[in-house]
Amino acid sequence: MPGYGWMFPAGDGTVNIGVGALSTMKGFKKLNLNTLLDQYASLVRESWTLGEYIEKPRAWRLPMSCMKRSGPGWVAIGDSAGFVNPMNGEGIDYALESGMLAVNCFLDNPETAPQEYDRQVGERFDDFLRTGRRFSLIIGHPWLLKPGLRIAVGTQSAADITLAVMGNLIDSSTPGVAGKVMRLADNVLRVADPVLRRTRAKA
């Protein structure tokens, strides 16, 4: 199943634990995330000495795109701008980075800030996130996900690159083998995009 789990220590003896799944997965609407969360919690309960839930689990959708992220006098940052990595659901660093860009743009020139912000975040995030969205269409197909995983973690070198991509540590501008792999992925997924959209798994 294309998805992920997380657990963040809150510093007071509690943890924020959760699970996520891609909506590109076949049968996504039939997936019971509460059951999935229970299964994940059972896997880590002993090693983390977890107790019972102290709050009722809550769900929220993570937007992977945005129709408009700036206008007269305003800009959208973080999740509200669709800055979520489709490959791992991560968005904290994008929220912080886009927030810093927005502040700097408004400090430099409030009148041109929305347009300048849109240009800067576009240059910084758009290509990488577009590749990620196309990648999410691939892993929504079980018959593509399984062989893809074998390639992605089949060797230590491949696993290192995969983990670096999942951790937002590299993109197509990164020098060396990792950057070349990302550039190749960008080009292949760009060509395959029409086919991926036509054959995407339906909920």
Protein backbone atom coordinates (compact mmCIF):
# COMPACT_ATOMS: atom_id res chain seq x y z
CA MET A 1 0.00 0.00 0.00
CA PRO A 2 1.44 3.41 -0.93
CA GLY A 3 1.55 5.29 2.34
CA TYR A 4 3.63 6.08 5.38
CA GLY A 5 3.57 6.33 9.14
CA TRP A 6 5.06 8.88 11.51
CA MET A 7 5.74 9.39 15.17
CA PHE A 8 6.92 12.68 16.69
CA PRO A 9 7.87 12.87 20.38
CA ALA A 10 6.06 15.89 21.86
CA GLY A 11 8.56 16.42 24.69
CA ASP A 12 6.07 15.79 27.50
CA GLY A 13 6.04 12.00 27.48
CA THR A 14 3.49 11.81 24.66
CA VAL A 15 3.93 11.26 20.93
CA ASN A 16 2.04 12.36 17.84
CA ILE A 17 1.49 9.16 15.88
CA GLY A 18 -0.30 8.79 12.59
CA VAL A 19 -0.56 7.19 9.17
CA GLY A 20 -1.22 8.44 5.67
CA ALA A 21 -2.17 6.90 2.33
CA LEU A 22 -2.20 8.21 -1.22
CA SER A 23 -5.55 8.88 -2.83
CA THR A 24 -4.11 7.54 -6.10
CA MET A 25 -4.32 4.03 -4.64
CA LYS A 26 -7.01 1.71 -5.93
CA GLY A 27 -9.77 1.36 -3.35
CA PHE A 28 -8.54 4.34 -1.33
CA LYS A 29 -12.04 5.30 -0.15
CA LYS A 30 -12.54 1.83 1.30
CA LEU A 31 -9.39 2.08 3.42
CA ASN A 32 -10.02 2.37 7.16
CA LEU A 33 -7.28 4.64 8.44
CA ASN A 34 -8.21 4.02 12.08
CA THR A 35 -7.54 0.31 11.60
CA LEU A 36 -4.31 1.12 9.80
CA LEU A 37 -3.27 3.39 12.68
CA ASP A 38 -3.98 0.65 15.21
CA GLN A 39 -1.83 -1.76 13.21
CA TYR A 40 1.02 0.71 13.01
CA ALA A 41 0.80 1.52 16.72
CA SER A 42 0.95 -2.19 17.56
CA LEU A 43 4.21 -2.51 15.61
CA VAL A 44 5.98 0.22 17.61
CA ARG A 45 4.15 -0.05 20.94
CA GLU A 46 6.72 -2.24 22.71
CA SER A 47 9.87 -0.46 21.51
CA TRP A 48 8.39 2.96 22.34
CA THR A 49 6.48 1.79 25.45
CA LEU A 50 3.31 3.36 24.10
CA GLY A 51 0.16 3.52 26.17
CA GLU A 52 -3.40 4.05 25.00
CA TYR A 53 -4.51 6.98 22.86
CA ILE A 54 -5.12 10.08 24.95
CA GLU A 55 -7.09 11.76 22.17
CA LYS A 56 -9.45 10.48 19.51
CA PRO A 57 -7.64 10.06 16.16
CA ARG A 58 -8.39 12.82 13.67
CA ALA A 59 -7.93 12.90 9.90
CA TRP A 60 -7.03 15.60 7.41
CA ARG A 61 -6.24 15.61 3.72
CA LEU A 62 -2.87 16.91 2.58
CA PRO A 63 -3.17 19.02 -0.58
CA MET A 64 -0.65 18.15 -3.28
CA SER A 65 -1.36 21.18 -5.48
CA CYS A 66 -2.94 24.62 -5.42
CA MET A 67 -5.00 26.57 -7.94
CA LYS A 68 -3.69 29.97 -6.85
CA ARG A 69 -1.01 30.83 -4.30
CA SER A 70 -0.85 34.63 -4.51
CA GLY A 71 -3.03 37.66 -5.14
CA PRO A 72 -3.19 41.39 -4.36
CA GLY A 73 -1.77 41.77 -0.85
CA TRP A 74 -1.64 38.05 0.03
CA VAL A 75 0.28 34.83 -0.55
CA ALA A 76 -0.33 31.19 0.42
CA ILE A 77 2.43 29.25 2.17
CA GLY A 78 2.96 25.67 3.29
CA ASP A 79 0.01 23.28 3.01
CA SER A 80 -2.33 26.05 1.84
CA ALA A 81 -0.11 26.46 -1.23
CA GLY A 82 0.05 22.71 -1.88
CA PHE A 83 3.67 22.47 -0.74
CA VAL A 84 3.54 18.84 0.38
CA ASN A 85 5.95 16.25 -0.94
CA PRO A 86 3.77 13.58 -2.62
CA MET A 87 6.53 11.02 -2.15
CA ASN A 88 6.49 11.15 1.65
CA GLY A 89 3.71 13.50 2.79
CA GLU A 90 6.27 15.82 4.39
CA GLY A 91 5.61 19.55 4.40
CA ILE A 92 7.13 21.13 7.49
CA ASP A 93 10.31 22.31 5.78
CA TYR A 94 8.32 23.64 2.79
CA ALA A 95 6.08 25.57 5.20
CA LEU A 96 9.06 27.14 6.96
CA GLU A 97 10.92 27.90 3.74
CA SER A 98 7.93 29.37 1.90
CA GLY A 99 7.08 31.42 4.99
CA MET A 100 10.58 32.88 5.08
CA LEU A 101 10.41 33.68 1.35
CA ALA A 102 7.04 35.40 1.83
CA VAL A 103 8.33 37.56 4.70
CA ASN A 104 11.41 38.60 2.74
CA CYS A 105 9.35 39.49 -0.33
CA PHE A 106 6.97 41.69 1.66
CA LEU A 107 9.85 43.37 3.48
CA ASP A 108 11.61 44.09 0.19
CA ASN A 109 8.58 45.51 -1.64
CA PRO A 110 4.97 44.98 -0.47
CA GLU A 111 3.56 46.00 -3.84
CA THR A 112 5.42 43.40 -5.87
CA ALA A 113 5.65 40.80 -3.08
CA PRO A 114 2.89 38.44 -4.31
CA GLN A 115 4.29 38.20 -7.84
CA GLU A 116 7.89 37.94 -6.64
CA TYR A 117 6.97 35.30 -4.07
CA ASP A 118 5.13 33.25 -6.70
CA ARG A 119 8.17 33.42 -8.97
CA GLN A 120 10.61 32.40 -6.24
CA VAL A 121 8.63 29.48 -4.87
CA GLY A 122 7.95 28.36 -8.43
CA GLU A 123 11.65 28.23 -9.20
CA ARG A 124 12.41 26.49 -5.92
CA PHE A 125 9.62 23.93 -5.60
CA ASP A 126 7.52 23.45 -8.75
CA ASP A 127 9.69 21.05 -10.77
CA PHE A 128 10.44 18.78 -7.81
CA LEU A 129 6.83 18.67 -6.60
CA ARG A 130 5.55 18.08 -10.13
CA THR A 131 7.85 15.07 -10.41
CA GLY A 132 6.59 13.90 -7.02
CA ARG A 133 2.95 14.12 -8.11
CA ARG A 134 3.71 12.07 -11.20
CA PHE A 135 5.56 9.58 -9.01
CA SER A 136 2.47 9.29 -6.80
CA LEU A 137 0.46 8.17 -9.84
CA ILE A 138 2.96 5.36 -10.40
CA ILE A 139 2.92 4.01 -6.86
CA GLY A 140 -0.87 4.10 -6.89
CA HIS A 141 -0.64 1.04 -9.17
CA PRO A 142 0.27 -2.10 -7.14
CA TRP A 143 1.73 -3.78 -10.22
CA LEU A 144 4.13 -0.83 -10.63
CA LEU A 145 4.76 -0.26 -6.91
CA LYS A 146 6.20 -3.68 -6.12
CA PRO A 147 8.84 -3.87 -8.89
CA GLY A 148 9.58 -0.20 -8.35
CA LEU A 149 10.40 -0.80 -4.70
CA ARG A 150 12.75 -3.63 -5.66
CA ILE A 151 14.68 -1.22 -7.87
CA ALA A 152 14.55 1.68 -5.38
CA VAL A 153 16.04 -0.33 -2.50
CA GLY A 154 17.60 -3.22 -4.38
CA THR A 155 21.16 -2.08 -3.70
CA GLN A 156 22.72 0.08 -1.02
CA SER A 157 23.49 2.82 -3.55
CA ALA A 158 19.91 2.84 -4.83
CA ALA A 159 18.56 2.83 -1.27
CA ASP A 160 20.80 5.77 -0.34
CA ILE A 161 19.48 7.83 -3.26
CA THR A 162 15.88 6.81 -2.50
CA LEU A 163 16.21 7.85 1.14
CA ALA A 164 17.81 11.15 0.13
CA VAL A 165 14.92 11.90 -2.23
CA MET A 166 12.34 10.92 0.39
CA GLY A 167 14.10 13.17 2.89
CA ASN A 168 13.94 16.21 0.54
CA LEU A 169 17.75 16.26 0.44
CA ILE A 170 18.27 16.17 -3.33
CA ASP A 171 16.62 17.35 -6.51
CA SER A 172 17.53 17.48 -10.20
CA SER A 173 20.07 20.28 -9.57
CA THR A 174 22.07 18.17 -7.11
CA PRO A 175 25.55 17.35 -8.45
CA GLY A 176 26.70 13.76 -8.91
CA VAL A 177 24.85 10.49 -9.47
CA ALA A 178 21.88 11.42 -7.28
CA GLY A 179 21.14 14.53 -9.34
CA LYS A 180 21.47 12.56 -12.59
CA VAL A 181 18.98 10.00 -11.32
CA MET A 182 16.52 12.77 -10.45
CA ARG A 183 16.97 14.42 -13.86
CA LEU A 184 16.34 11.07 -15.54
CA ALA A 185 13.25 10.54 -13.40
CA ASP A 186 12.02 14.05 -14.26
CA ASN A 187 12.33 13.38 -17.99
CA VAL A 188 10.85 9.87 -17.92
CA LEU A 189 7.88 10.90 -15.78
CA ARG A 190 7.25 13.96 -17.94
CA VAL A 191 6.96 11.77 -21.04
CA ALA A 192 4.87 9.17 -19.20
CA ASP A 193 2.54 11.73 -17.58
CA PRO A 194 -0.37 11.42 -20.09
CA VAL A 195 -0.36 7.63 -19.77
CA LEU A 196 -0.12 7.78 -15.97
CA ARG A 197 -3.14 10.07 -15.77
CA ARG A 198 -5.25 7.96 -18.10
CA THR A 199 -4.46 4.75 -16.24
CA ARG A 200 -4.42 6.10 -12.67
CA ALA A 201 -6.02 3.91 -10.07
CA LYS A 202 -9.61 4.91 -9.37
CA ALA A 203 -10.94 5.17 -5.86
